[in-house]
């Protein structure tokens, strides 16, 4: 079977496969791939001839994306499973193979990836809120806080000559203070008093 015939068969079966899986077909400019969106939010990709010749349909998915359109995986070394199914099988048989061989392995990975994405979003939100709160204390405009939770005291109305920097990560803060010995002594004495 050649590529055109395999793709024609795949596209003809796609609506029925999607219906059986409870998915929606997604519109694509690329006629070589059929894309379906699942109720859980992940996408399934069906590609005739991805590997193993044009008599096979390759089925895979993709990781969720963060706000910068970067993929968020379930773990550092995770990979997306992939299965091949004969293009000559019925839509029902192809859907069963996806349900039996692909989805049980993929769904837990997707769930972990979504949990990591939500954790990352929470961390970024906490970082931003805490950085803006600290910036206000020292007279730095919140717009001067970068997306990584950093701001310079050089931008402060209180310390305009300082080249010191504040770095916030979630609820952790690093203060990088550049000063002379006398100022350092005063700062450290103040910290000692605070710790008592």
N, C-alpha and C. Protein backbone atom coordinates (compact mmCIF):
# COMPACT_ATOMS: atom_id res chain seq x y z
N UNK A 1 0.85 -1.19 0.00
CA UNK A 1 0.00 0.00 0.00
C UNK A 1 0.88 1.24 0.00
N UNK A 2 0.53 2.23 -0.82
CA UNK A 2 1.34 3.45 -0.85
C UNK A 2 0.81 4.47 0.16
N UNK A 3 1.54 5.54 0.28
CA UNK A 3 1.22 6.55 1.29
C UNK A 3 -0.15 7.18 1.06
N UNK A 4 -0.45 7.53 -0.19
CA UNK A 4 -1.72 8.19 -0.48
C UNK A 4 -2.91 7.30 -0.11
N UNK A 5 -2.82 6.03 -0.43
CA UNK A 5 -3.91 5.11 -0.11
C UNK A 5 -4.04 4.95 1.40
N UNK A 6 -2.90 4.83 2.10
CA UNK A 6 -2.93 4.69 3.55
C UNK A 6 -3.56 5.92 4.20
N UNK A 7 -3.19 7.10 3.72
CA UNK A 7 -3.75 8.33 4.29
C UNK A 7 -5.23 8.47 3.95
N UNK A 8 -5.63 8.05 2.74
CA UNK A 8 -7.03 8.11 2.37
C UNK A 8 -7.86 7.22 3.30
N UNK A 9 -7.36 6.00 3.55
CA UNK A 9 -8.07 5.07 4.44
C UNK A 9 -8.16 5.65 5.86
N UNK A 10 -7.04 6.20 6.34
CA UNK A 10 -7.02 6.78 7.69
C UNK A 10 -8.04 7.90 7.82
N UNK A 11 -8.07 8.82 6.85
CA UNK A 11 -9.00 9.95 6.93
C UNK A 11 -10.45 9.49 6.83
N UNK A 12 -10.70 8.44 6.05
CA UNK A 12 -12.07 7.93 5.93
C UNK A 12 -12.54 7.31 7.25
N UNK A 13 -11.62 6.66 7.98
CA UNK A 13 -12.00 6.00 9.24
C UNK A 13 -11.98 6.94 10.44
N UNK A 14 -11.29 8.06 10.32
CA UNK A 14 -11.04 8.94 11.47
C UNK A 14 -12.31 9.37 12.22
N UNK A 15 -13.38 9.80 11.56
CA UNK A 15 -14.56 10.22 12.33
C UNK A 15 -15.13 9.10 13.20
N UNK A 16 -15.14 7.87 12.68
CA UNK A 16 -15.68 6.76 13.47
C UNK A 16 -14.75 6.40 14.62
N UNK A 17 -13.45 6.42 14.38
CA UNK A 17 -12.48 6.14 15.46
C UNK A 17 -12.63 7.18 16.57
N UNK A 18 -12.73 8.45 16.17
CA UNK A 18 -12.89 9.53 17.15
C UNK A 18 -14.15 9.34 17.96
N UNK A 19 -15.24 8.99 17.30
CA UNK A 19 -16.51 8.80 17.99
C UNK A 19 -16.42 7.67 19.01
N UNK A 20 -15.81 6.56 18.63
CA UNK A 20 -15.68 5.42 19.55
C UNK A 20 -14.83 5.80 20.75
N UNK A 21 -13.78 6.58 20.52
CA UNK A 21 -12.88 6.98 21.61
C UNK A 21 -13.43 8.15 22.43
N UNK A 22 -14.54 8.74 21.98
CA UNK A 22 -15.10 9.89 22.70
C UNK A 22 -14.30 11.15 22.47
N UNK A 23 -13.62 11.24 21.34
CA UNK A 23 -12.76 12.38 21.01
C UNK A 23 -13.41 13.26 19.94
N UNK A 24 -12.85 14.45 19.78
CA UNK A 24 -13.26 15.35 18.70
C UNK A 24 -12.13 15.41 17.69
N UNK A 25 -12.48 15.41 16.40
CA UNK A 25 -11.47 15.60 15.37
C UNK A 25 -11.02 17.05 15.37
N UNK A 26 -9.73 17.27 15.25
CA UNK A 26 -9.18 18.62 15.18
C UNK A 26 -8.86 18.95 13.73
N UNK A 27 -9.07 20.20 13.36
CA UNK A 27 -8.73 20.64 12.00
C UNK A 27 -7.23 20.82 11.91
N UNK A 28 -6.65 20.38 10.79
CA UNK A 28 -5.21 20.50 10.56
C UNK A 28 -4.96 20.90 9.12
N UNK A 29 -3.88 21.67 8.93
CA UNK A 29 -3.42 21.98 7.57
C UNK A 29 -2.67 20.79 6.99
N UNK A 30 -2.08 20.00 7.87
CA UNK A 30 -1.27 18.85 7.47
C UNK A 30 -2.19 17.67 7.18
N UNK A 31 -2.28 17.27 5.92
CA UNK A 31 -3.17 16.17 5.56
C UNK A 31 -2.58 14.80 5.86
N UNK A 32 -1.32 14.77 6.30
CA UNK A 32 -0.66 13.49 6.58
C UNK A 32 -1.01 12.95 7.97
N UNK A 33 -1.57 13.79 8.83
CA UNK A 33 -1.83 13.40 10.21
C UNK A 33 -3.30 13.66 10.55
N UNK A 34 -3.88 12.74 11.30
CA UNK A 34 -5.22 12.95 11.87
C UNK A 34 -5.01 13.25 13.35
N UNK A 35 -5.61 14.33 13.81
CA UNK A 35 -5.47 14.75 15.20
C UNK A 35 -6.84 14.72 15.87
N UNK A 36 -6.87 14.16 17.09
CA UNK A 36 -8.11 14.09 17.86
C UNK A 36 -7.85 14.67 19.25
N UNK A 37 -8.85 15.38 19.75
CA UNK A 37 -8.75 15.94 21.11
C UNK A 37 -9.62 15.11 22.05
N UNK A 38 -8.98 14.64 23.13
CA UNK A 38 -9.69 13.80 24.09
C UNK A 38 -10.44 14.65 25.11
N UNK A 39 -11.42 14.08 25.81
CA UNK A 39 -12.12 14.83 26.87
C UNK A 39 -11.17 15.26 27.99
N UNK A 40 -10.07 14.50 28.20
CA UNK A 40 -9.10 14.86 29.26
C UNK A 40 -8.20 16.01 28.86
N UNK A 41 -8.22 16.39 27.57
CA UNK A 41 -7.43 17.53 27.12
C UNK A 41 -6.22 17.16 26.30
N UNK A 42 -5.81 15.90 26.30
CA UNK A 42 -4.65 15.55 25.48
C UNK A 42 -5.10 15.30 24.04
N UNK A 43 -4.13 15.31 23.15
CA UNK A 43 -4.39 15.09 21.74
C UNK A 43 -3.78 13.77 21.30
N UNK A 44 -4.50 13.09 20.45
CA UNK A 44 -4.01 11.85 19.85
C UNK A 44 -3.66 12.14 18.40
N UNK A 45 -2.54 11.61 17.95
CA UNK A 45 -2.09 11.80 16.58
C UNK A 45 -2.00 10.45 15.88
N UNK A 46 -2.65 10.35 14.74
CA UNK A 46 -2.66 9.14 13.92
C UNK A 46 -1.93 9.48 12.63
N UNK A 47 -0.88 8.74 12.35
CA UNK A 47 -0.05 9.03 11.19
C UNK A 47 0.14 7.75 10.39
N UNK A 48 -0.29 7.77 9.14
CA UNK A 48 -0.11 6.58 8.28
C UNK A 48 1.35 6.52 7.83
N UNK A 49 2.01 5.43 8.19
CA UNK A 49 3.38 5.24 7.73
C UNK A 49 4.44 5.94 8.54
N UNK A 50 4.15 6.33 9.79
CA UNK A 50 5.18 6.97 10.61
C UNK A 50 6.38 6.06 10.79
N UNK A 51 6.09 4.81 11.04
CA UNK A 51 7.17 3.81 11.10
C UNK A 51 6.58 2.46 10.72
N UNK A 52 7.41 1.61 10.19
CA UNK A 52 6.96 0.27 9.85
C UNK A 52 6.25 0.17 8.50
N UNK A 53 6.37 1.17 7.63
CA UNK A 53 5.74 1.10 6.32
C UNK A 53 4.36 1.71 6.31
N UNK A 54 3.79 1.87 5.12
CA UNK A 54 2.50 2.54 4.98
C UNK A 54 1.31 1.64 5.28
N UNK A 55 1.57 0.40 5.64
CA UNK A 55 0.46 -0.46 6.03
C UNK A 55 0.15 -0.32 7.52
N UNK A 56 0.87 0.55 8.20
CA UNK A 56 0.67 0.76 9.64
C UNK A 56 0.25 2.20 9.93
N UNK A 57 -0.60 2.33 10.94
CA UNK A 57 -0.93 3.66 11.49
C UNK A 57 -0.18 3.77 12.81
N UNK A 58 0.58 4.85 12.95
CA UNK A 58 1.28 5.11 14.19
C UNK A 58 0.42 6.03 15.04
N UNK A 59 0.25 5.67 16.32
CA UNK A 59 -0.58 6.46 17.23
C UNK A 59 0.30 6.98 18.36
N UNK A 60 0.23 8.28 18.61
CA UNK A 60 0.99 8.90 19.69
C UNK A 60 0.22 10.08 20.25
N UNK A 61 0.88 10.87 21.07
CA UNK A 61 0.24 12.03 21.67
C UNK A 61 1.27 13.13 21.83
N UNK A 62 0.97 14.13 22.65
CA UNK A 62 1.93 15.21 22.94
C UNK A 62 1.72 15.69 24.36
N UNK A 63 2.79 16.23 24.94
CA UNK A 63 2.75 16.73 26.31
C UNK A 63 1.98 18.05 26.37
N UNK A 64 1.46 18.40 27.55
CA UNK A 64 0.83 19.72 27.69
C UNK A 64 1.89 20.83 27.54
N UNK A 65 1.42 22.01 27.18
CA UNK A 65 2.32 23.14 26.98
C UNK A 65 2.11 24.19 28.06
N UNK A 66 3.21 24.83 28.47
CA UNK A 66 3.09 25.93 29.43
C UNK A 66 2.82 27.23 28.68
N UNK A 67 2.82 28.34 29.40
CA UNK A 67 2.48 29.63 28.80
C UNK A 67 3.49 30.08 27.75
N UNK A 68 4.71 29.55 27.81
CA UNK A 68 5.73 29.88 26.81
C UNK A 68 5.77 28.83 25.70
N UNK A 69 4.75 27.98 25.64
CA UNK A 69 4.62 26.93 24.63
C UNK A 69 5.73 25.89 24.70
N UNK A 70 6.26 25.69 25.91
CA UNK A 70 7.24 24.62 26.14
C UNK A 70 6.50 23.39 26.65
N UNK A 71 6.94 22.22 26.23
CA UNK A 71 6.32 20.99 26.68
C UNK A 71 6.67 20.72 28.14
N UNK A 72 5.67 20.27 28.88
CA UNK A 72 5.86 19.86 30.27
C UNK A 72 5.67 18.35 30.33
N UNK A 73 6.73 17.63 30.67
CA UNK A 73 6.68 16.17 30.68
C UNK A 73 6.30 15.67 32.07
N UNK A 74 6.00 14.37 32.15
CA UNK A 74 5.62 13.78 33.43
C UNK A 74 6.81 13.62 34.35
N UNK A 75 7.99 13.49 33.78
CA UNK A 75 9.24 13.41 34.54
C UNK A 75 10.38 13.78 33.61
N UNK A 76 11.55 13.94 34.17
CA UNK A 76 12.69 14.41 33.41
C UNK A 76 13.00 13.54 32.19
N UNK A 77 12.91 12.22 32.36
CA UNK A 77 13.31 11.31 31.29
C UNK A 77 12.12 10.61 30.63
N UNK A 78 10.93 11.15 30.77
CA UNK A 78 9.74 10.51 30.23
C UNK A 78 9.68 10.63 28.71
N UNK A 79 9.09 9.63 28.10
CA UNK A 79 8.84 9.69 26.66
C UNK A 79 7.40 9.27 26.40
N UNK A 80 6.88 9.72 25.28
CA UNK A 80 5.51 9.43 24.92
C UNK A 80 5.45 8.03 24.31
N UNK A 81 4.55 7.19 24.80
CA UNK A 81 4.42 5.86 24.18
C UNK A 81 3.89 6.00 22.75
N UNK A 82 4.09 4.97 21.99
CA UNK A 82 3.62 4.96 20.62
C UNK A 82 3.26 3.53 20.26
N UNK A 83 2.16 3.37 19.55
CA UNK A 83 1.79 2.04 19.07
C UNK A 83 1.56 2.10 17.56
N UNK A 84 1.65 0.96 16.91
CA UNK A 84 1.33 0.83 15.49
C UNK A 84 0.16 -0.14 15.35
N UNK A 85 -0.75 0.21 14.45
CA UNK A 85 -1.92 -0.61 14.17
C UNK A 85 -2.06 -0.72 12.65
N UNK A 86 -2.46 -1.86 12.18
CA UNK A 86 -2.63 -2.05 10.74
C UNK A 86 -3.70 -1.12 10.19
N UNK A 87 -3.40 -0.48 9.07
CA UNK A 87 -4.33 0.46 8.44
C UNK A 87 -5.49 -0.28 7.78
N UNK A 88 -5.38 -1.58 7.63
CA UNK A 88 -6.45 -2.35 7.00
C UNK A 88 -7.50 -2.82 8.01
N UNK A 89 -7.27 -2.56 9.29
CA UNK A 89 -8.25 -2.98 10.31
C UNK A 89 -9.44 -2.04 10.32
N UNK A 90 -10.51 -2.47 10.96
CA UNK A 90 -11.74 -1.65 11.01
C UNK A 90 -11.55 -0.51 12.01
N UNK A 91 -12.35 0.54 11.89
CA UNK A 91 -12.28 1.62 12.88
C UNK A 91 -12.49 1.11 14.31
N UNK A 92 -13.40 0.16 14.49
CA UNK A 92 -13.65 -0.40 15.82
C UNK A 92 -12.41 -1.09 16.36
N UNK A 93 -11.75 -1.88 15.52
CA UNK A 93 -10.56 -2.60 15.95
C UNK A 93 -9.42 -1.64 16.27
N UNK A 94 -9.27 -0.59 15.47
CA UNK A 94 -8.21 0.40 15.72
C UNK A 94 -8.49 1.12 17.05
N UNK A 95 -9.75 1.52 17.26
CA UNK A 95 -10.10 2.19 18.52
C UNK A 95 -9.85 1.27 19.71
N UNK A 96 -10.19 -0.02 19.58
CA UNK A 96 -9.94 -0.98 20.67
C UNK A 96 -8.45 -1.08 20.97
N UNK A 97 -7.63 -1.10 19.93
CA UNK A 97 -6.18 -1.19 20.13
C UNK A 97 -5.65 0.04 20.86
N UNK A 98 -6.18 1.21 20.50
CA UNK A 98 -5.78 2.45 21.19
C UNK A 98 -6.20 2.37 22.65
N UNK A 99 -7.42 1.93 22.91
CA UNK A 99 -7.92 1.82 24.29
C UNK A 99 -7.16 0.77 25.09
N UNK A 100 -6.76 -0.30 24.44
CA UNK A 100 -6.11 -1.40 25.14
C UNK A 100 -4.60 -1.21 25.30
N UNK A 101 -3.94 -0.72 24.25
CA UNK A 101 -2.48 -0.69 24.26
C UNK A 101 -1.87 0.69 24.50
N UNK A 102 -2.57 1.75 24.10
CA UNK A 102 -1.98 3.10 24.22
C UNK A 102 -2.46 3.85 25.46
N UNK A 103 -3.77 3.98 25.60
CA UNK A 103 -4.31 4.85 26.66
C UNK A 103 -3.95 4.42 28.08
N UNK A 104 -3.93 3.12 28.41
CA UNK A 104 -3.56 2.77 29.79
C UNK A 104 -2.15 3.20 30.17
N UNK A 105 -1.25 3.24 29.21
CA UNK A 105 0.12 3.70 29.48
C UNK A 105 0.20 5.21 29.45
N UNK A 106 -0.56 5.85 28.54
CA UNK A 106 -0.46 7.29 28.34
C UNK A 106 -1.18 8.10 29.42
N UNK A 107 -2.38 7.69 29.84
CA UNK A 107 -3.17 8.51 30.77
C UNK A 107 -2.42 8.84 32.07
N UNK A 108 -1.74 7.88 32.73
CA UNK A 108 -1.01 8.25 33.95
C UNK A 108 0.12 9.24 33.68
N UNK A 109 0.76 9.13 32.53
CA UNK A 109 1.83 10.08 32.17
C UNK A 109 1.24 11.47 31.98
N UNK A 110 0.11 11.55 31.31
CA UNK A 110 -0.57 12.84 31.09
C UNK A 110 -0.97 13.46 32.43
N UNK A 111 -1.53 12.65 33.32
CA UNK A 111 -1.96 13.14 34.63
C UNK A 111 -0.77 13.71 35.41
N UNK A 112 0.35 13.01 35.38
CA UNK A 112 1.56 13.50 36.07
C UNK A 112 2.07 14.79 35.43
N UNK A 113 2.03 14.86 34.11
CA UNK A 113 2.50 16.06 33.41
C UNK A 113 1.61 17.26 33.76
N UNK A 114 0.29 17.04 33.83
CA UNK A 114 -0.63 18.12 34.20
C UNK A 114 -0.35 18.57 35.64
N UNK A 115 -0.09 17.62 36.54
CA UNK A 115 0.22 17.97 37.93
C UNK A 115 1.50 18.81 37.99
N UNK A 116 2.51 18.44 37.20
CA UNK A 116 3.75 19.22 37.16
C UNK A 116 3.50 20.62 36.60
N UNK A 117 2.66 20.71 35.58
CA UNK A 117 2.34 22.00 34.98
C UNK A 117 1.62 22.89 36.00
N UNK A 118 0.65 22.33 36.72
CA UNK A 118 -0.08 23.11 37.73
C UNK A 118 0.84 23.53 38.87
N UNK A 119 1.74 22.65 39.27
CA UNK A 119 2.71 22.98 40.32
C UNK A 119 3.63 24.11 39.87
N UNK A 120 4.05 24.04 38.62
CA UNK A 120 4.91 25.08 38.06
C UNK A 120 4.18 26.42 38.00
N UNK A 121 2.91 26.38 37.59
CA UNK A 121 2.13 27.62 37.53
C UNK A 121 1.95 28.22 38.93
N UNK A 122 1.70 27.36 39.93
CA UNK A 122 1.55 27.85 41.30
C UNK A 122 2.86 28.47 41.78
N UNK A 123 3.98 27.80 41.50
CA UNK A 123 5.29 28.32 41.89
C UNK A 123 5.54 29.68 41.24
N UNK A 124 5.23 29.79 39.95
CA UNK A 124 5.42 31.06 39.25
C UNK A 124 4.53 32.15 39.83
N UNK A 125 3.29 31.80 40.16
CA UNK A 125 2.38 32.77 40.76
C UNK A 125 2.86 33.24 42.13
N UNK A 126 3.31 32.28 42.96
CA UNK A 126 3.85 32.63 44.28
C UNK A 126 5.09 33.50 44.14
N UNK A 127 5.94 33.13 43.19
CA UNK A 127 7.16 33.91 42.95
C UNK A 127 6.81 35.35 42.61
N UNK A 128 5.87 35.53 41.71
CA UNK A 128 5.48 36.88 41.27
C UNK A 128 4.89 37.68 42.43
N UNK A 129 3.94 37.09 43.17
CA UNK A 129 3.31 37.80 44.28
C UNK A 129 4.33 38.21 45.35
N UNK A 130 5.20 37.27 45.71
CA UNK A 130 6.20 37.56 46.74
C UNK A 130 7.21 38.60 46.27
N UNK A 131 7.61 38.51 45.01
CA UNK A 131 8.57 39.49 44.48
C UNK A 131 7.96 40.89 44.45
N UNK A 132 6.70 40.99 44.04
CA UNK A 132 6.04 42.29 44.01
C UNK A 132 5.86 42.87 45.41
N UNK A 133 5.55 42.01 46.38
CA UNK A 133 5.40 42.46 47.76
C UNK A 133 6.73 43.03 48.28
N UNK A 134 7.83 42.32 48.03
CA UNK A 134 9.14 42.79 48.47
C UNK A 134 9.57 44.04 47.71
N UNK A 135 9.27 44.11 46.44
CA UNK A 135 9.62 45.29 45.64
C UNK A 135 8.92 46.53 46.19
N UNK A 136 7.67 46.38 46.60
CA UNK A 136 6.92 47.52 47.15
C UNK A 136 7.58 48.05 48.42
N UNK A 137 8.09 47.14 49.25
CA UNK A 137 8.73 47.54 50.52
C UNK A 137 9.91 48.46 50.26
N UNK A 138 10.67 48.17 49.21
CA UNK A 138 11.89 48.96 48.95
C UNK A 138 11.70 50.01 47.86
N UNK A 139 10.43 50.24 47.45
CA UNK A 139 10.15 51.30 46.50
C UNK A 139 10.50 50.98 45.06
N UNK A 140 10.39 49.71 44.68
CA UNK A 140 10.61 49.33 43.28
C UNK A 140 9.24 49.10 42.64
N UNK A 141 9.03 49.71 41.50
CA UNK A 141 7.78 49.54 40.77
C UNK A 141 7.59 48.06 40.41
N UNK A 142 6.40 47.50 40.62
CA UNK A 142 6.17 46.09 40.30
C UNK A 142 6.50 45.73 38.85
N UNK A 143 6.39 46.71 37.94
CA UNK A 143 6.73 46.45 36.54
C UNK A 143 8.22 46.18 36.33
N UNK A 144 9.03 46.52 37.34
CA UNK A 144 10.47 46.28 37.25
C UNK A 144 10.85 44.86 37.67
N UNK A 145 9.88 44.11 38.21
CA UNK A 145 10.13 42.71 38.58
C UNK A 145 10.06 41.88 37.31
N UNK A 146 11.13 41.13 37.02
CA UNK A 146 11.10 40.32 35.79
C UNK A 146 10.29 39.05 35.98
N UNK A 147 10.09 38.30 34.92
CA UNK A 147 9.21 37.13 34.99
C UNK A 147 9.79 36.01 35.85
N UNK A 148 11.09 36.11 36.19
CA UNK A 148 11.72 35.12 37.06
C UNK A 148 11.75 35.55 38.52
N UNK A 149 11.06 36.67 38.85
CA UNK A 149 10.98 37.12 40.23
C UNK A 149 12.20 37.91 40.69
N UNK A 150 12.94 38.51 39.77
CA UNK A 150 14.13 39.28 40.14
C UNK A 150 13.88 40.77 39.97
N UNK A 151 14.50 41.53 40.84
CA UNK A 151 14.52 42.98 40.64
C UNK A 151 15.77 43.54 41.30
N UNK A 152 16.17 44.69 40.80
CA UNK A 152 17.38 45.34 41.29
C UNK A 152 17.03 46.50 42.20
N UNK A 153 17.79 46.65 43.28
CA UNK A 153 17.58 47.80 44.16
C UNK A 153 18.00 49.10 43.49
N UNK A 154 18.71 48.98 42.37
CA UNK A 154 19.06 50.17 41.59
C UNK A 154 17.80 50.88 41.11
N UNK A 155 16.71 50.12 40.94
CA UNK A 155 15.44 50.68 40.49
C UNK A 155 14.61 51.22 41.66
N UNK A 156 15.16 51.18 42.86
CA UNK A 156 14.44 51.59 44.06
C UNK A 156 14.50 53.09 44.27
N UNK A 157 13.40 53.64 44.78
CA UNK A 157 13.39 55.06 45.15
C UNK A 157 14.12 55.27 46.47
N UNK A 158 14.34 54.18 47.21
CA UNK A 158 15.01 54.27 48.51
C UNK A 158 16.51 54.04 48.39
N UNK A 159 16.91 53.12 47.52
CA UNK A 159 18.32 52.77 47.33
C UNK A 159 18.76 53.00 45.89
N UNK A 160 18.66 54.21 45.36
CA UNK A 160 18.91 54.40 43.93
C UNK A 160 20.37 54.15 43.50
N UNK A 161 21.28 54.14 44.42
CA UNK A 161 22.69 53.93 44.05
C UNK A 161 23.12 52.49 44.23
N UNK A 162 22.26 51.65 44.78
CA UNK A 162 22.64 50.27 45.07
C UNK A 162 22.58 49.41 43.80
N UNK A 163 23.54 48.51 43.66
CA UNK A 163 23.50 47.55 42.55
C UNK A 163 23.10 46.17 43.07
N UNK A 164 22.53 46.14 44.25
CA UNK A 164 22.11 44.89 44.86
C UNK A 164 20.88 44.34 44.14
N UNK A 165 20.63 43.04 44.33
CA UNK A 165 19.55 42.39 43.62
C UNK A 165 18.77 41.48 44.56
N UNK A 166 17.48 41.36 44.30
CA UNK A 166 16.61 40.45 45.04
C UNK A 166 16.12 39.40 44.06
N UNK A 167 16.27 38.12 44.44
CA UNK A 167 15.81 37.01 43.60
C UNK A 167 14.83 36.19 44.40
N UNK A 168 13.60 36.08 43.90
CA UNK A 168 12.55 35.33 44.57
C UNK A 168 12.26 34.06 43.76
N UNK A 169 12.09 32.96 44.49
CA UNK A 169 11.70 31.70 43.87
C UNK A 169 10.67 31.05 44.79
N UNK A 170 9.39 31.19 44.42
CA UNK A 170 8.33 30.69 45.29
C UNK A 170 8.31 31.45 46.60
N UNK A 171 8.61 30.76 47.72
CA UNK A 171 8.67 31.44 49.01
C UNK A 171 10.10 31.53 49.54
N UNK A 172 11.07 31.36 48.63
CA UNK A 172 12.48 31.48 48.99
C UNK A 172 13.05 32.73 48.34
N UNK A 173 13.92 33.44 49.07
CA UNK A 173 14.48 34.69 48.56
C UNK A 173 15.99 34.70 48.75
N UNK A 174 16.68 35.15 47.73
CA UNK A 174 18.12 35.38 47.81
C UNK A 174 18.35 36.88 47.70
N UNK A 175 19.03 37.42 48.68
CA UNK A 175 19.39 38.83 48.65
C UNK A 175 20.87 38.93 48.31
N UNK A 176 21.15 39.59 47.22
CA UNK A 176 22.54 39.80 46.82
C UNK A 176 22.84 41.27 47.09
N UNK A 177 23.63 41.50 48.15
CA UNK A 177 23.86 42.87 48.59
C UNK A 177 25.32 43.25 48.35
N UNK A 178 25.51 44.30 47.58
CA UNK A 178 26.84 44.84 47.33
C UNK A 178 26.97 46.13 48.16
N UNK A 179 27.89 46.12 49.10
CA UNK A 179 28.03 47.30 49.96
C UNK A 179 29.45 47.35 50.54
N UNK A 180 29.73 48.41 51.26
CA UNK A 180 31.04 48.51 51.91
C UNK A 180 30.99 47.77 53.25
N UNK A 181 32.12 47.63 53.89
CA UNK A 181 32.21 46.85 55.12
C UNK A 181 31.34 47.45 56.23
N UNK A 182 31.32 48.77 56.33
CA UNK A 182 30.53 49.40 57.38
C UNK A 182 29.03 49.10 57.21
N UNK A 183 28.55 49.20 55.97
CA UNK A 183 27.13 48.87 55.73
C UNK A 183 26.85 47.40 56.00
N UNK A 184 27.79 46.54 55.62
CA UNK A 184 27.63 45.10 55.87
C UNK A 184 27.54 44.84 57.37
N UNK A 185 28.39 45.53 58.15
CA UNK A 185 28.34 45.36 59.60
C UNK A 185 26.98 45.75 60.14
N UNK A 186 26.44 46.89 59.68
CA UNK A 186 25.12 47.35 60.14
C UNK A 186 24.02 46.37 59.74
N UNK A 187 24.10 45.86 58.52
CA UNK A 187 23.09 44.90 58.05
C UNK A 187 23.14 43.63 58.87
N UNK A 188 24.34 43.11 59.12
CA UNK A 188 24.48 41.88 59.88
C UNK A 188 24.03 42.08 61.33
N UNK A 189 24.33 43.24 61.92
CA UNK A 189 23.85 43.52 63.27
C UNK A 189 22.32 43.54 63.32
N UNK A 190 21.70 44.13 62.27
CA UNK A 190 20.25 44.16 62.21
C UNK A 190 19.68 42.76 62.08
N UNK A 191 20.36 41.91 61.32
CA UNK A 191 19.91 40.52 61.16
C UNK A 191 20.04 39.75 62.47
N UNK A 192 21.10 40.03 63.21
CA UNK A 192 21.28 39.37 64.52
C UNK A 192 20.14 39.75 65.45
N UNK A 193 19.78 41.04 65.46
CA UNK A 193 18.68 41.50 66.31
C UNK A 193 17.36 40.83 65.90
N UNK A 194 17.14 40.71 64.58
CA UNK A 194 15.91 40.08 64.09
C UNK A 194 15.82 38.60 64.48
N UNK A 195 16.97 37.95 64.54
CA UNK A 195 16.95 36.52 64.83
C UNK A 195 16.71 36.21 66.29
N UNK A 196 16.76 37.21 67.18
CA UNK A 196 16.56 36.98 68.62
C UNK A 196 15.11 36.99 68.98
